[in-house]
Amino acid sequence: MADSSTLVSETGRSLLADSSALDSKIIETSKENVFRAAVLDAEAEEMPQIETRVVLVQEAGKREELLKALEEIKMPYIKTDTIEELGDSDCPEFETIFVVSDFQAPIFSNLCKADCRVIGPPVVLHCAQKGEPLPFSCRPLYCASMLNLVLCFTGFRKKDELVKLVTLVHHMGGIIRRDFSSKVTHLVANSTHGDKFRIAVSLGIPIVKAEWIYKAWEKRNEIDFSAADDDFRNQFKVPPFQDCMLSFLGFSDDEKANMEEMTEMQGGHYLPVGDERCTHLVVEESTVKDLPFEPLKKLYVVKQEWFWGSIQMDARAGESMYLFEKSESPDFKKSVSLLSLSTPNSNRKRRRLKETLAQLTRETDMSPFPPRKRPSAEHSLSIGSLLDISNTPESSTANGETPKSCARPSKNSTPLPLKQSARWQVAKELYQTESNYVDILTTIIQLFQVPLEKEGQLGGPILAQEEIKTIFGSIPDILDVHTKIKEDLEDLMINWTESKSIGDIILKYSKDLLKTYPPFVNFFEMSKETITRCEKQKPRFHAFLKINQAKPECGRQSLAELLIRPVQRLPSVALLLNDIKKHTAEENPDKITLERAIESLKEVMTHINEDKRKTEAQRQFFDVVYEVDGCPANLLSSHRSLVQRLETVALGDDLCDRGEQVTLFLFNDCLEIARKRHKVIGAFKSPHGHTRPPASLKHVVLMPLSQIKKVLDIRETEDCQKAFALVVRPPTELNNKLLSFQMTTEDPCKEDWLKMLCRQVANTICKADAENLIYVADPDSVEVNTKDMDSTLSRASRAIKKTSKKVTRAFSFSKTPKRALRRALMSHSATEGRSPSSTESYIGSRLTSTSSLAGVPSPSLVSLPSIFERRSHTLSRSTTHLV
């Protein structure tokens, strides 16, 4: 049977009618005991029991797995090719269940007309897998992939198409409802208009296309498949802007381009402003005061919050909540102002206004506390329903817990001293900045963290819990500490005397600061990277930031800009404490306390910096481990740190092929050498959904720095540029080896790199004269050149060489013993007049294949004594003699 087949019911009853009555038995048996046999009461033991038998029709009787499955559930069965063979199919002593493989065959239609119980092979296999009896179903049931799903349809105008969809849903065990209710689990929509669509959006019910049903039917033979699986269902969800034509007014070119791109990503289309086909005009309300044309009645003129809110909810939001309202005309405002000025009491009102302004000015100058907010202003942050992006007092109190410091009013009714000292002024600034800082942290939590952590978000969670934890870190703990500091400072300022100790407040919470700040500051860069990555990869998070960052509580700052405040706060407090100390008299006891408080803050910041340095070093370690495939586990060590990374090209054939890209990782006691991978494996996906980039390098050797005997600074010539070499002696070798490289980056320069390398080598071998490890050599003396590194011919020859090696390995049916290879190498070297030891492989490198034995040995493998014997006249001209 073709997978793309669609079915039409041939029963007498209509499939479009509400199937609740017919589904009553299915609902009762499909919740937890759908595949469980009914248990008879004790009173019914005397009633005659009806035996259930299974009839395997045509192809179903030829499937061995079906026969085995029926035996496992102890169900008797018979095979038949035609219904006529069963003379007693209507016998009341038997409850006959027909198993049919093809629900499009004529025999299936005949069974449906006779109101027979028909099931598909997947149902039998599923029951055998679960160890349960066959289910009871009053309709033909092919599989259970939509079992317990209640579907409702909207927007379908063609009756034939709807009949096909309803039939397929019934065959997969689903239930259909004509009217939308709370029992509906999925809405199948062909349009984004109508009450059903709006209700489904408000309730967070998944809205899918009709293709979801067709694709689920194609997977009907998969026993463990479920159409409700999130990954499968999300492929067919109705995008927010389906059937929408959007235009944008009042936005900058970059913003408009971004919104147009997002529109197409979310299933919509965009048109120029004024196009009659447009369904929605999105307006930037801060720049557009009036529309340049009279909109049509069918056109929705909405604010940009509707656009970003729809993306955040993953469904089209209701337009009525975000309609753009025209500002009052200037003529109307002018008439109102003239009317107010012409009233008899206008002079009295102006005089009263002047007195009020003067009083407010005096209070602002004297009071160290900000003016008390309206009760409603304390709940101005919206963390309520995503359908309502506006700020309401109820939304912030009903959802999420606010830190206890956020709602406490300032106690600003205490009389203030008539004359303020300089110490008082700086203390007032410390309190005001602390109060502002607490407000910022509260904004971060209420406006961003709480909504992201809220359960039951429309469209599912915007971010994973691991990502939320990475972004916000210990912000709640920091807020709790600074809330207590703010309260103590507030009490101090209310009951101010010059002898009051400010330093004691800081010392009181110094341990808490030391506990809460390092976890956040150390991973602040990771927090910013997570925000940037999620904003690019997750449109809903991008829309969430757009909505909330535009609110006045953020002060036109992004989330990343708000999160940097904890990094800046402690240095700012230290500076203010220094200013208070300057204006504190010597005889004041707080002088010494302030000094101790400043020192404690310095210790906290020093500890933070030290922890940050250690954390960065650990991150660098793990970056190397993840980037280098096959990296030795012993590279990770508490005493080891990464000093420098250098990109080079190999100039010899010892560690890898000449011309191959090689990366050197210089640590304080070793050198990790890795080459570029020729074939990069796929990315690794963690259980939390984070995708780790694939390893781009292949481990070659991890060399202790004590094996480096000399560092050669090769002279710059026309044929040799930015080259250097290392003279190494592995513990298993008797002679020195030469490893030559060419630097491919400008930073660091060659001189700095060589000095850095020699310093680490000298520290490892406990020598003070690191400069004596550097020797200058001519390129000819060590047979090194870089002339052909970038040529096309050189790249082609390297490619041919790699291909020949692959072919050689492919056609090699037996491995040559290692000893035989060494004897061949030694004998070959002897015939060329070279030392046998000079051609031995460096530890960790590959053995030369049998096909390359006839080649000339690489110059970089030649031992230094033989070089000096053959090149003595050249070395005598060098400024430094190599020993």
Foldseek 3Di string as FASTA:
>chain_A
DDLQDFDFAPEPDDLLDACCVQCVVLVVCQPPNQLADDDDDPVCPVPDDAAEAEEEEDPSVVDPLLVVLCVLLVHHYDYDHAPVVPPCPVPRNYQYEYEDADCVDPRVNVCVHVQHHYEYSLQSNLCSVVSGHRGDHSDYAHEQQAAQAEEEEPDDDDPVVVSRLSVLCVNNRYGYGDDDDPSHQEYAYPDCDDDVNQVCLQQLRFYFHSVLSSVVSSVRNPNPHHSPDPVSRVVGTQFAQAVAEEEEPDDDPVVRVVLQVVQVVRHHHYDYPPDPSHQEYEYDVVGDQDDPDDDDPNHAYFYCLQSLLSQLLRHRADSVQTGDDHDDDPVVVVVVVVVCCPDPCNVVVVVVVVVVVVVVVVCVVFFLDDDWDDLFVLQQAALAASSHLHGGSCRQVVFDDAPPLSNDTAPRPFDADPDDAQLLVLLSVLLVVLVVLLLLLRCLCRLPLRNQPDPPRNVGRQAFPVLSCLQCPLSVLVSVLSSVLSVVSSVCRSVDDLLDANLVSLVVCLVSLLVRQLRCVLSLVVNVVSLVVSCVVGSSSVSSQVSRCPDVSVVNDGSNVSSCVSVVPLVVSLVSLVSSLVRRDPPRPNNVSSVVSSVSSVVSVVSSVVSSVQSVQVVVVVVVVQQEPPDDPVVDDSVKGWDDKFWWAWQWPFQHHHLWIWIWTDMLWKIWIWTFDPDWDCWDADPSGDTHHTHGIYTQDIGTLLQFQAKEDEDDDPFADQKIWTWGDDPVADFTFITMIHTDDVPPPSVVVQLVSLVSSCVNVVHDCSVVRYFYDYCVLLVTGCNCSPPPVVVVVVVVVVVVVVVVVVPDPDDDDPVVLLVLQQVLQVVVVAHSSLQDHDPRHDRDDPVCSPPDHISRSGGPVVSCVVCVVRQVPGPDHDD
